[in-house]
ModelCIF file with pLDDT and N, C-alpha, C, O atoms, coordinates in Angstrom:
data_MODEL
#
_entry.id   MODEL 
#
_entity.id                         1 
_entity.type                       polymer 
_entity.pdbx_number_of_molecules   1 
#
_entity_poly.entity_id                      1 
_entity_poly.type                           'polypeptide(L)' 
_entity_poly.nstd_linkage                   no 
_entity_poly.nstd_monomer                   no 
_entity_poly.pdbx_seq_one_letter_code       NHVVQTRRLHEYLRWRNAHARHPDVLEAQRRERARIRSEKGHRWGRHD 
_entity_poly.pdbx_seq_one_letter_code_can   NHVVQTRRLHEYLRWRNAHARHPDVLEAQRRERARIRSEKGHRWGRHD 
_entity_poly.pdbx_strand_id                 A 
#
loop_
_entity_poly_seq.entity_id 
_entity_poly_seq.num 
_entity_poly_seq.mon_id 
_entity_poly_seq.hetero 
1 1  ASN n 
1 2  HIS n 
1 3  VAL n 
1 4  VAL n 
1 5  GLN n 
1 6  THR n 
1 7  ARG n 
1 8  ARG n 
1 9  LEU n 
1 10 HIS n 
1 11 GLU n 
1 12 TYR n 
1 13 LEU n 
1 14 ARG n 
1 15 TRP n 
1 16 ARG n 
1 17 ASN n 
1 18 ALA n 
1 19 HIS n 
1 20 ALA n 
1 21 ARG n 
1 22 HIS n 
1 23 PRO n 
1 24 ASP n 
1 25 VAL n 
1 26 LEU n 
1 27 GLU n 
1 28 ALA n 
1 29 GLN n 
1 30 ARG n 
1 31 ARG n 
1 32 GLU n 
1 33 ARG n 
1 34 ALA n 
1 35 ARG n 
1 36 ILE n 
1 37 ARG n 
1 38 SER n 
1 39 GLU n 
1 40 LYS n 
1 41 GLY n 
1 42 HIS n 
1 43 ARG n 
1 44 TRP n 
1 45 GLY n 
1 46 ARG n 
1 47 HIS n 
1 48 ASP n 
#
_struct_asym.id          A 
_struct_asym.entity_id   1 
#
loop_
_ma_qa_metric.id 
_ma_qa_metric.mode 
_ma_qa_metric.name 
_ma_qa_metric.software_group_id 
_ma_qa_metric.type 
1 global pLDDT . pLDDT 
2 local  pLDDT . pLDDT 
#
_ma_qa_metric_global.metric_id      1 
_ma_qa_metric_global.metric_value   73.75 
_ma_qa_metric_global.model_id       1 
_ma_qa_metric_global.ordinal_id     1 
#
loop_
_ma_qa_metric_local.label_asym_id 
_ma_qa_metric_local.label_comp_id 
_ma_qa_metric_local.label_seq_id 
_ma_qa_metric_local.metric_id 
_ma_qa_metric_local.metric_value 
_ma_qa_metric_local.model_id 
_ma_qa_metric_local.ordinal_id 
A ASN 1  2 86.00 1 1  
A HIS 2  2 86.00 1 2  
A VAL 3  2 89.00 1 3  
A VAL 4  2 89.00 1 4  
A GLN 5  2 87.00 1 5  
A THR 6  2 90.00 1 6  
A ARG 7  2 91.00 1 7  
A ARG 8  2 89.00 1 8  
A LEU 9  2 90.00 1 9  
A HIS 10 2 91.00 1 10 
A GLU 11 2 92.00 1 11 
A TYR 12 2 88.00 1 12 
A LEU 13 2 90.00 1 13 
A ARG 14 2 92.00 1 14 
A TRP 15 2 89.00 1 15 
A ARG 16 2 87.00 1 16 
A ASN 17 2 89.00 1 17 
A ALA 18 2 88.00 1 18 
A HIS 19 2 85.00 1 19 
A ALA 20 2 77.00 1 20 
A ARG 21 2 78.00 1 21 
A HIS 22 2 79.00 1 22 
A PRO 23 2 83.00 1 23 
A ASP 24 2 77.00 1 24 
A VAL 25 2 74.00 1 25 
A LEU 26 2 77.00 1 26 
A GLU 27 2 81.00 1 27 
A ALA 28 2 75.00 1 28 
A GLN 29 2 73.00 1 29 
A ARG 30 2 77.00 1 30 
A ARG 31 2 75.00 1 31 
A GLU 32 2 72.00 1 32 
A ARG 33 2 69.00 1 33 
A ALA 34 2 71.00 1 34 
A ARG 35 2 66.00 1 35 
A ILE 36 2 63.00 1 36 
A ARG 37 2 61.00 1 37 
A SER 38 2 60.00 1 38 
A GLU 39 2 53.00 1 39 
A LYS 40 2 52.00 1 40 
A GLY 41 2 47.00 1 41 
A HIS 42 2 43.00 1 42 
A ARG 43 2 46.00 1 43 
A TRP 44 2 45.00 1 44 
A GLY 45 2 42.00 1 45 
A ARG 46 2 44.00 1 46 
A HIS 47 2 44.00 1 47 
A ASP 48 2 48.00 1 48 
#
loop_
_atom_site.group_PDB 
_atom_site.id 
_atom_site.type_symbol 
_atom_site.label_atom_id 
_atom_site.label_alt_id 
_atom_site.label_comp_id 
_atom_site.label_asym_id 
_atom_site.label_entity_id 
_atom_site.label_seq_id 
_atom_site.pdbx_PDB_ins_code 
_atom_site.Cartn_x 
_atom_site.Cartn_y 
_atom_site.Cartn_z 
_atom_site.occupancy 
_atom_site.B_iso_or_equiv 
_atom_site.pdbx_formal_charge 
_atom_site.auth_seq_id 
_atom_site.auth_comp_id 
_atom_site.auth_asym_id 
_atom_site.auth_atom_id 
_atom_site.pdbx_PDB_model_num 
ATOM 1   N N  . ASN A 1 1  ? 0.577  -1.173 -0.141  1.00 86.00 ? 1  ASN A N  1 
ATOM 2   C CA . ASN A 1 1  ? -0.115 -0.088 0.129   1.00 86.00 ? 1  ASN A CA 1 
ATOM 3   C C  . ASN A 1 1  ? 0.528  1.418  0.200   1.00 86.00 ? 1  ASN A C  1 
ATOM 4   O O  . ASN A 1 1  ? 1.725  1.138  0.276   1.00 86.00 ? 1  ASN A O  1 
ATOM 5   N N  . HIS A 1 2  ? 0.468  2.489  0.215   1.00 86.00 ? 2  HIS A N  1 
ATOM 6   C CA . HIS A 1 2  ? 1.353  3.522  -0.132  1.00 86.00 ? 2  HIS A CA 1 
ATOM 7   C C  . HIS A 1 2  ? 1.889  3.829  0.991   1.00 86.00 ? 2  HIS A C  1 
ATOM 8   O O  . HIS A 1 2  ? 2.972  4.414  1.016   1.00 86.00 ? 2  HIS A O  1 
ATOM 9   N N  . VAL A 1 3  ? 1.201  3.475  2.158   1.00 89.00 ? 3  VAL A N  1 
ATOM 10  C CA . VAL A 1 3  ? 1.978  3.816  3.379   1.00 89.00 ? 3  VAL A CA 1 
ATOM 11  C C  . VAL A 1 3  ? 2.824  3.142  3.267   1.00 89.00 ? 3  VAL A C  1 
ATOM 12  O O  . VAL A 1 3  ? 3.770  3.911  3.101   1.00 89.00 ? 3  VAL A O  1 
ATOM 13  N N  . VAL A 1 4  ? 3.237  2.036  3.234   1.00 89.00 ? 4  VAL A N  1 
ATOM 14  C CA . VAL A 1 4  ? 4.655  1.272  3.474   1.00 89.00 ? 4  VAL A CA 1 
ATOM 15  C C  . VAL A 1 4  ? 5.756  1.819  2.231   1.00 89.00 ? 4  VAL A C  1 
ATOM 16  O O  . VAL A 1 4  ? 6.962  2.000  2.405   1.00 89.00 ? 4  VAL A O  1 
ATOM 17  N N  . GLN A 1 5  ? 4.937  2.043  0.835   1.00 87.00 ? 5  GLN A N  1 
ATOM 18  C CA . GLN A 1 5  ? 6.134  2.720  0.115   1.00 87.00 ? 5  GLN A CA 1 
ATOM 19  C C  . GLN A 1 5  ? 6.716  3.917  0.352   1.00 87.00 ? 5  GLN A C  1 
ATOM 20  O O  . GLN A 1 5  ? 7.854  4.316  0.105   1.00 87.00 ? 5  GLN A O  1 
ATOM 21  N N  . THR A 1 6  ? 5.529  4.578  1.005   1.00 90.00 ? 6  THR A N  1 
ATOM 22  C CA . THR A 1 6  ? 5.941  6.119  1.602   1.00 90.00 ? 6  THR A CA 1 
ATOM 23  C C  . THR A 1 6  ? 7.235  5.793  2.893   1.00 90.00 ? 6  THR A C  1 
ATOM 24  O O  . THR A 1 6  ? 8.345  6.325  2.887   1.00 90.00 ? 6  THR A O  1 
ATOM 25  N N  . ARG A 1 7  ? 6.914  5.149  3.565   1.00 91.00 ? 7  ARG A N  1 
ATOM 26  C CA . ARG A 1 7  ? 7.674  4.529  4.417   1.00 91.00 ? 7  ARG A CA 1 
ATOM 27  C C  . ARG A 1 7  ? 9.122  3.845  4.020   1.00 91.00 ? 7  ARG A C  1 
ATOM 28  O O  . ARG A 1 7  ? 10.183 4.226  4.514   1.00 91.00 ? 7  ARG A O  1 
ATOM 29  N N  . ARG A 1 8  ? 9.035  3.001  3.256   1.00 89.00 ? 8  ARG A N  1 
ATOM 30  C CA . ARG A 1 8  ? 10.242 2.561  2.267   1.00 89.00 ? 8  ARG A CA 1 
ATOM 31  C C  . ARG A 1 8  ? 10.959 3.987  1.675   1.00 89.00 ? 8  ARG A C  1 
ATOM 32  O O  . ARG A 1 8  ? 12.149 4.140  1.950   1.00 89.00 ? 8  ARG A O  1 
ATOM 33  N N  . LEU A 1 9  ? 10.498 4.694  1.133   1.00 90.00 ? 9  LEU A N  1 
ATOM 34  C CA . LEU A 1 9  ? 10.932 5.955  0.125   1.00 90.00 ? 9  LEU A CA 1 
ATOM 35  C C  . LEU A 1 9  ? 11.747 6.686  0.849   1.00 90.00 ? 9  LEU A C  1 
ATOM 36  O O  . LEU A 1 9  ? 12.778 7.189  0.400   1.00 90.00 ? 9  LEU A O  1 
ATOM 37  N N  . HIS A 1 10 ? 11.311 6.808  2.118   1.00 91.00 ? 10 HIS A N  1 
ATOM 38  C CA . HIS A 1 10 ? 11.939 8.254  3.186   1.00 91.00 ? 10 HIS A CA 1 
ATOM 39  C C  . HIS A 1 10 ? 12.819 7.653  4.119   1.00 91.00 ? 10 HIS A C  1 
ATOM 40  O O  . HIS A 1 10 ? 13.453 8.402  4.862   1.00 91.00 ? 10 HIS A O  1 
ATOM 41  N N  . GLU A 1 11 ? 12.997 6.159  4.224   1.00 92.00 ? 11 GLU A N  1 
ATOM 42  C CA . GLU A 1 11 ? 13.225 5.521  5.351   1.00 92.00 ? 11 GLU A CA 1 
ATOM 43  C C  . GLU A 1 11 ? 15.383 5.345  3.714   1.00 92.00 ? 11 GLU A C  1 
ATOM 44  O O  . GLU A 1 11 ? 16.548 5.485  4.086   1.00 92.00 ? 11 GLU A O  1 
ATOM 45  N N  . TYR A 1 12 ? 15.031 5.124  2.643   1.00 88.00 ? 12 TYR A N  1 
ATOM 46  C CA . TYR A 1 12 ? 16.294 5.492  1.648   1.00 88.00 ? 12 TYR A CA 1 
ATOM 47  C C  . TYR A 1 12 ? 16.420 6.840  1.774   1.00 88.00 ? 12 TYR A C  1 
ATOM 48  O O  . TYR A 1 12 ? 17.641 6.878  1.628   1.00 88.00 ? 12 TYR A O  1 
ATOM 49  N N  . LEU A 1 13 ? 16.092 8.026  1.938   1.00 90.00 ? 13 LEU A N  1 
ATOM 50  C CA . LEU A 1 13 ? 16.073 9.101  1.905   1.00 90.00 ? 13 LEU A CA 1 
ATOM 51  C C  . LEU A 1 13 ? 17.109 9.056  3.157   1.00 90.00 ? 13 LEU A C  1 
ATOM 52  O O  . LEU A 1 13 ? 18.318 9.008  2.931   1.00 90.00 ? 13 LEU A O  1 
ATOM 53  N N  . ARG A 1 14 ? 16.643 9.070  4.369   1.00 92.00 ? 14 ARG A N  1 
ATOM 54  C CA . ARG A 1 14 ? 17.489 9.072  5.911   1.00 92.00 ? 14 ARG A CA 1 
ATOM 55  C C  . ARG A 1 14 ? 19.004 8.491  5.532   1.00 92.00 ? 14 ARG A C  1 
ATOM 56  O O  . ARG A 1 14 ? 20.054 9.050  5.848   1.00 92.00 ? 14 ARG A O  1 
ATOM 57  N N  . TRP A 1 15 ? 18.899 7.381  4.866   1.00 89.00 ? 15 TRP A N  1 
ATOM 58  C CA . TRP A 1 15 ? 19.789 6.826  4.214   1.00 89.00 ? 15 TRP A CA 1 
ATOM 59  C C  . TRP A 1 15 ? 21.084 7.304  3.417   1.00 89.00 ? 15 TRP A C  1 
ATOM 60  O O  . TRP A 1 15 ? 22.284 7.273  3.690   1.00 89.00 ? 15 TRP A O  1 
ATOM 61  N N  . ARG A 1 16 ? 20.079 7.933  1.906   1.00 87.00 ? 16 ARG A N  1 
ATOM 62  C CA . ARG A 1 16 ? 20.986 8.447  1.195   1.00 87.00 ? 16 ARG A CA 1 
ATOM 63  C C  . ARG A 1 16 ? 21.810 9.765  1.926   1.00 87.00 ? 16 ARG A C  1 
ATOM 64  O O  . ARG A 1 16 ? 23.026 9.878  1.771   1.00 87.00 ? 16 ARG A O  1 
ATOM 65  N N  . ASN A 1 17 ? 21.120 10.623 2.637   1.00 89.00 ? 17 ASN A N  1 
ATOM 66  C CA . ASN A 1 17 ? 21.580 11.693 3.100   1.00 89.00 ? 17 ASN A CA 1 
ATOM 67  C C  . ASN A 1 17 ? 22.844 11.832 3.884   1.00 89.00 ? 17 ASN A C  1 
ATOM 68  O O  . ASN A 1 17 ? 23.686 12.721 4.009   1.00 89.00 ? 17 ASN A O  1 
ATOM 69  N N  . ALA A 1 18 ? 22.644 10.450 4.441   1.00 88.00 ? 18 ALA A N  1 
ATOM 70  C CA . ALA A 1 18 ? 23.699 10.182 5.648   1.00 88.00 ? 18 ALA A CA 1 
ATOM 71  C C  . ALA A 1 18 ? 25.020 9.140  5.200   1.00 88.00 ? 18 ALA A C  1 
ATOM 72  O O  . ALA A 1 18 ? 25.863 8.511  5.840   1.00 88.00 ? 18 ALA A O  1 
ATOM 73  N N  . HIS A 1 19 ? 24.638 9.367  3.403   1.00 85.00 ? 19 HIS A N  1 
ATOM 74  C CA . HIS A 1 19 ? 26.010 8.292  2.756   1.00 85.00 ? 19 HIS A CA 1 
ATOM 75  C C  . HIS A 1 19 ? 25.744 9.392  1.215   1.00 85.00 ? 19 HIS A C  1 
ATOM 76  O O  . HIS A 1 19 ? 25.095 8.838  0.328   1.00 85.00 ? 19 HIS A O  1 
ATOM 77  N N  . ALA A 1 20 ? 25.996 10.169 1.059   1.00 77.00 ? 20 ALA A N  1 
ATOM 78  C CA . ALA A 1 20 ? 25.678 11.076 -0.153  1.00 77.00 ? 20 ALA A CA 1 
ATOM 79  C C  . ALA A 1 20 ? 26.644 10.832 -1.076  1.00 77.00 ? 20 ALA A C  1 
ATOM 80  O O  . ALA A 1 20 ? 26.499 10.979 -2.289  1.00 77.00 ? 20 ALA A O  1 
ATOM 81  N N  . ARG A 1 21 ? 27.928 10.345 -0.351  1.00 78.00 ? 21 ARG A N  1 
ATOM 82  C CA . ARG A 1 21 ? 29.130 10.165 -0.953  1.00 78.00 ? 21 ARG A CA 1 
ATOM 83  C C  . ARG A 1 21 ? 29.148 8.661  -1.396  1.00 78.00 ? 21 ARG A C  1 
ATOM 84  O O  . ARG A 1 21 ? 30.144 8.491  -2.099  1.00 78.00 ? 21 ARG A O  1 
ATOM 85  N N  . HIS A 1 22 ? 28.409 7.479  -1.251  1.00 79.00 ? 22 HIS A N  1 
ATOM 86  C CA . HIS A 1 22 ? 28.439 6.454  -1.356  1.00 79.00 ? 22 HIS A CA 1 
ATOM 87  C C  . HIS A 1 22 ? 28.719 5.916  -2.785  1.00 79.00 ? 22 HIS A C  1 
ATOM 88  O O  . HIS A 1 22 ? 28.005 6.440  -3.640  1.00 79.00 ? 22 HIS A O  1 
ATOM 89  N N  . PRO A 1 23 ? 29.560 5.028  -3.214  1.00 83.00 ? 23 PRO A N  1 
ATOM 90  C CA . PRO A 1 23 ? 29.806 4.600  -4.544  1.00 83.00 ? 23 PRO A CA 1 
ATOM 91  C C  . PRO A 1 23 ? 28.784 4.502  -5.247  1.00 83.00 ? 23 PRO A C  1 
ATOM 92  O O  . PRO A 1 23 ? 28.673 5.115  -6.308  1.00 83.00 ? 23 PRO A O  1 
ATOM 93  N N  . ASP A 1 24 ? 27.737 3.600  -4.701  1.00 77.00 ? 24 ASP A N  1 
ATOM 94  C CA . ASP A 1 24 ? 26.286 3.440  -5.149  1.00 77.00 ? 24 ASP A CA 1 
ATOM 95  C C  . ASP A 1 24 ? 25.789 4.597  -5.777  1.00 77.00 ? 24 ASP A C  1 
ATOM 96  O O  . ASP A 1 24 ? 25.773 4.703  -7.004  1.00 77.00 ? 24 ASP A O  1 
ATOM 97  N N  . VAL A 1 25 ? 25.346 5.549  -4.945  1.00 74.00 ? 25 VAL A N  1 
ATOM 98  C CA . VAL A 1 25 ? 24.613 6.714  -5.297  1.00 74.00 ? 25 VAL A CA 1 
ATOM 99  C C  . VAL A 1 25 ? 25.146 7.561  -6.200  1.00 74.00 ? 25 VAL A C  1 
ATOM 100 O O  . VAL A 1 25 ? 24.480 8.159  -7.045  1.00 74.00 ? 25 VAL A O  1 
ATOM 101 N N  . LEU A 1 26 ? 26.804 7.677  -6.009  1.00 77.00 ? 26 LEU A N  1 
ATOM 102 C CA . LEU A 1 26 ? 27.087 8.739  -6.923  1.00 77.00 ? 26 LEU A CA 1 
ATOM 103 C C  . LEU A 1 26 ? 27.400 8.031  -8.695  1.00 77.00 ? 26 LEU A C  1 
ATOM 104 O O  . LEU A 1 26 ? 27.656 8.820  -9.605  1.00 77.00 ? 26 LEU A O  1 
ATOM 105 N N  . GLU A 1 27 ? 27.321 6.346  -8.985  1.00 81.00 ? 27 GLU A N  1 
ATOM 106 C CA . GLU A 1 27 ? 27.426 5.572  -10.083 1.00 81.00 ? 27 GLU A CA 1 
ATOM 107 C C  . GLU A 1 27 ? 25.607 5.888  -10.588 1.00 81.00 ? 27 GLU A C  1 
ATOM 108 O O  . GLU A 1 27 ? 25.425 6.358  -11.711 1.00 81.00 ? 27 GLU A O  1 
ATOM 109 N N  . ALA A 1 28 ? 24.826 5.700  -10.013 1.00 75.00 ? 28 ALA A N  1 
ATOM 110 C CA . ALA A 1 28 ? 23.287 5.808  -10.206 1.00 75.00 ? 28 ALA A CA 1 
ATOM 111 C C  . ALA A 1 28 ? 23.012 7.037  -10.694 1.00 75.00 ? 28 ALA A C  1 
ATOM 112 O O  . ALA A 1 28 ? 22.278 7.165  -11.674 1.00 75.00 ? 28 ALA A O  1 
ATOM 113 N N  . GLN A 1 29 ? 23.649 8.233  -9.978  1.00 73.00 ? 29 GLN A N  1 
ATOM 114 C CA . GLN A 1 29 ? 23.582 9.771  -10.160 1.00 73.00 ? 29 GLN A CA 1 
ATOM 115 C C  . GLN A 1 29 ? 24.428 9.715  -11.395 1.00 73.00 ? 29 GLN A C  1 
ATOM 116 O O  . GLN A 1 29 ? 23.827 10.130 -12.386 1.00 73.00 ? 29 GLN A O  1 
ATOM 117 N N  . ARG A 1 30 ? 25.760 9.284  -11.628 1.00 77.00 ? 30 ARG A N  1 
ATOM 118 C CA . ARG A 1 30 ? 26.208 9.640  -12.843 1.00 77.00 ? 30 ARG A CA 1 
ATOM 119 C C  . ARG A 1 30 ? 25.585 8.870  -14.118 1.00 77.00 ? 30 ARG A C  1 
ATOM 120 O O  . ARG A 1 30 ? 25.828 9.401  -15.202 1.00 77.00 ? 30 ARG A O  1 
ATOM 121 N N  . ARG A 1 31 ? 24.889 7.806  -14.132 1.00 75.00 ? 31 ARG A N  1 
ATOM 122 C CA . ARG A 1 31 ? 24.175 7.225  -15.123 1.00 75.00 ? 31 ARG A CA 1 
ATOM 123 C C  . ARG A 1 31 ? 23.073 7.721  -15.660 1.00 75.00 ? 31 ARG A C  1 
ATOM 124 O O  . ARG A 1 31 ? 22.756 7.552  -16.837 1.00 75.00 ? 31 ARG A O  1 
ATOM 125 N N  . GLU A 1 32 ? 22.007 8.775  -14.291 1.00 72.00 ? 32 GLU A N  1 
ATOM 126 C CA . GLU A 1 32 ? 20.924 9.211  -14.808 1.00 72.00 ? 32 GLU A CA 1 
ATOM 127 C C  . GLU A 1 32 ? 21.377 10.376 -15.355 1.00 72.00 ? 32 GLU A C  1 
ATOM 128 O O  . GLU A 1 32 ? 20.656 10.809 -16.254 1.00 72.00 ? 32 GLU A O  1 
ATOM 129 N N  . ARG A 1 33 ? 22.733 11.272 -14.988 1.00 69.00 ? 33 ARG A N  1 
ATOM 130 C CA . ARG A 1 33 ? 22.858 12.451 -15.821 1.00 69.00 ? 33 ARG A CA 1 
ATOM 131 C C  . ARG A 1 33 ? 23.335 12.245 -17.019 1.00 69.00 ? 33 ARG A C  1 
ATOM 132 O O  . ARG A 1 33 ? 23.186 13.110 -17.881 1.00 69.00 ? 33 ARG A O  1 
ATOM 133 N N  . ALA A 1 34 ? 24.006 11.037 -17.292 1.00 71.00 ? 34 ALA A N  1 
ATOM 134 C CA . ALA A 1 34 ? 24.337 10.525 -18.705 1.00 71.00 ? 34 ALA A CA 1 
ATOM 135 C C  . ALA A 1 34 ? 22.676 10.477 -19.680 1.00 71.00 ? 34 ALA A C  1 
ATOM 136 O O  . ALA A 1 34 ? 22.435 10.888 -20.815 1.00 71.00 ? 34 ALA A O  1 
ATOM 137 N N  . ARG A 1 35 ? 21.668 9.721  -18.542 1.00 66.00 ? 35 ARG A N  1 
ATOM 138 C CA . ARG A 1 35 ? 20.726 9.926  -19.430 1.00 66.00 ? 35 ARG A CA 1 
ATOM 139 C C  . ARG A 1 35 ? 20.013 10.853 -19.830 1.00 66.00 ? 35 ARG A C  1 
ATOM 140 O O  . ARG A 1 35 ? 19.429 10.893 -20.913 1.00 66.00 ? 35 ARG A O  1 
ATOM 141 N N  . ILE A 1 36 ? 20.006 12.026 -18.613 1.00 63.00 ? 36 ILE A N  1 
ATOM 142 C CA . ILE A 1 36 ? 19.381 13.132 -18.978 1.00 63.00 ? 36 ILE A CA 1 
ATOM 143 C C  . ILE A 1 36 ? 19.975 14.080 -20.090 1.00 63.00 ? 36 ILE A C  1 
ATOM 144 O O  . ILE A 1 36 ? 19.356 14.774 -20.897 1.00 63.00 ? 36 ILE A O  1 
ATOM 145 N N  . ARG A 1 37 ? 21.365 13.925 -19.921 1.00 61.00 ? 37 ARG A N  1 
ATOM 146 C CA . ARG A 1 37 ? 22.126 14.775 -21.158 1.00 61.00 ? 37 ARG A CA 1 
ATOM 147 C C  . ARG A 1 37 ? 21.755 14.098 -22.548 1.00 61.00 ? 37 ARG A C  1 
ATOM 148 O O  . ARG A 1 37 ? 21.673 14.747 -23.591 1.00 61.00 ? 37 ARG A O  1 
ATOM 149 N N  . SER A 1 38 ? 21.510 12.529 -22.445 1.00 60.00 ? 38 SER A N  1 
ATOM 150 C CA . SER A 1 38 ? 21.289 12.333 -24.091 1.00 60.00 ? 38 SER A CA 1 
ATOM 151 C C  . SER A 1 38 ? 20.212 12.642 -24.715 1.00 60.00 ? 38 SER A C  1 
ATOM 152 O O  . SER A 1 38 ? 20.134 12.443 -25.927 1.00 60.00 ? 38 SER A O  1 
ATOM 153 N N  . GLU A 1 39 ? 19.078 13.240 -23.929 1.00 53.00 ? 39 GLU A N  1 
ATOM 154 C CA . GLU A 1 39 ? 18.113 13.637 -24.275 1.00 53.00 ? 39 GLU A CA 1 
ATOM 155 C C  . GLU A 1 39 ? 17.795 15.000 -24.752 1.00 53.00 ? 39 GLU A C  1 
ATOM 156 O O  . GLU A 1 39 ? 16.969 15.362 -25.590 1.00 53.00 ? 39 GLU A O  1 
ATOM 157 N N  . LYS A 1 40 ? 18.829 15.837 -23.866 1.00 52.00 ? 40 LYS A N  1 
ATOM 158 C CA . LYS A 1 40 ? 18.546 17.274 -24.427 1.00 52.00 ? 40 LYS A CA 1 
ATOM 159 C C  . LYS A 1 40 ? 18.969 17.943 -25.052 1.00 52.00 ? 40 LYS A C  1 
ATOM 160 O O  . LYS A 1 40 ? 20.155 17.628 -25.143 1.00 52.00 ? 40 LYS A O  1 
ATOM 161 N N  . GLY A 1 41 ? 18.770 18.771 -25.623 1.00 47.00 ? 41 GLY A N  1 
ATOM 162 C CA . GLY A 1 41 ? 19.024 19.781 -26.948 1.00 47.00 ? 41 GLY A CA 1 
ATOM 163 C C  . GLY A 1 41 ? 20.643 20.333 -27.201 1.00 47.00 ? 41 GLY A C  1 
ATOM 164 O O  . GLY A 1 41 ? 21.648 19.871 -26.660 1.00 47.00 ? 41 GLY A O  1 
ATOM 165 N N  . HIS A 1 42 ? 20.587 21.292 -28.042 1.00 43.00 ? 42 HIS A N  1 
ATOM 166 C CA . HIS A 1 42 ? 22.034 21.750 -28.340 1.00 43.00 ? 42 HIS A CA 1 
ATOM 167 C C  . HIS A 1 42 ? 22.994 22.302 -27.416 1.00 43.00 ? 42 HIS A C  1 
ATOM 168 O O  . HIS A 1 42 ? 24.209 22.314 -27.613 1.00 43.00 ? 42 HIS A O  1 
ATOM 169 N N  . ARG A 1 43 ? 22.354 22.798 -26.314 1.00 46.00 ? 43 ARG A N  1 
ATOM 170 C CA . ARG A 1 43 ? 23.044 23.303 -24.965 1.00 46.00 ? 43 ARG A CA 1 
ATOM 171 C C  . ARG A 1 43 ? 23.225 22.532 -24.294 1.00 46.00 ? 43 ARG A C  1 
ATOM 172 O O  . ARG A 1 43 ? 22.498 21.548 -24.155 1.00 46.00 ? 43 ARG A O  1 
ATOM 173 N N  . TRP A 1 44 ? 24.587 22.837 -23.485 1.00 45.00 ? 44 TRP A N  1 
ATOM 174 C CA . TRP A 1 44 ? 25.273 22.169 -22.370 1.00 45.00 ? 44 TRP A CA 1 
ATOM 175 C C  . TRP A 1 44 ? 25.400 20.415 -22.772 1.00 45.00 ? 44 TRP A C  1 
ATOM 176 O O  . TRP A 1 44 ? 24.769 19.410 -22.443 1.00 45.00 ? 44 TRP A O  1 
ATOM 177 N N  . GLY A 1 45 ? 26.579 20.703 -23.661 1.00 42.00 ? 45 GLY A N  1 
ATOM 178 C CA . GLY A 1 45 ? 27.200 19.293 -24.235 1.00 42.00 ? 45 GLY A CA 1 
ATOM 179 C C  . GLY A 1 45 ? 26.869 18.635 -25.256 1.00 42.00 ? 45 GLY A C  1 
ATOM 180 O O  . GLY A 1 45 ? 27.312 17.495 -25.393 1.00 42.00 ? 45 GLY A O  1 
ATOM 181 N N  . ARG A 1 46 ? 26.021 19.197 -26.201 1.00 44.00 ? 46 ARG A N  1 
ATOM 182 C CA . ARG A 1 46 ? 25.429 18.329 -27.291 1.00 44.00 ? 46 ARG A CA 1 
ATOM 183 C C  . ARG A 1 46 ? 26.400 18.633 -28.342 1.00 44.00 ? 46 ARG A C  1 
ATOM 184 O O  . ARG A 1 46 ? 26.864 19.770 -28.251 1.00 44.00 ? 46 ARG A O  1 
ATOM 185 N N  . HIS A 1 47 ? 26.807 17.967 -29.256 1.00 44.00 ? 47 HIS A N  1 
ATOM 186 C CA . HIS A 1 47 ? 28.171 18.326 -30.095 1.00 44.00 ? 47 HIS A CA 1 
ATOM 187 C C  . HIS A 1 47 ? 27.189 18.163 -31.210 1.00 44.00 ? 47 HIS A C  1 
ATOM 188 O O  . HIS A 1 47 ? 26.017 17.818 -31.061 1.00 44.00 ? 47 HIS A O  1 
ATOM 189 N N  . ASP A 1 48 ? 28.148 18.622 -33.050 1.00 48.00 ? 48 ASP A N  1 
ATOM 190 C CA . ASP A 1 48 ? 27.360 18.515 -33.697 1.00 48.00 ? 48 ASP A CA 1 
ATOM 191 C C  . ASP A 1 48 ? 28.310 17.187 -34.574 1.00 48.00 ? 48 ASP A C  1 
ATOM 192 O O  . ASP A 1 48 ? 27.819 16.618 -35.548 1.00 48.00 ? 48 ASP A O  1 
#
C-alpha cells in the first residue's frame, strides 16, 4: 500500500543523506545524468 511505499521511500532518503558520497549513489547519479544529457538539445554538451 502507499503507507508502506512512502515509509520505504523516506527510509531510503535518510540513508541517502547520511551516505551522499556512497559509490552506489554516485554511480546511479552519473548514469541518470548521462541519460538526461543524452535527451537534451544543443545546450550543455551536445556536439554537432
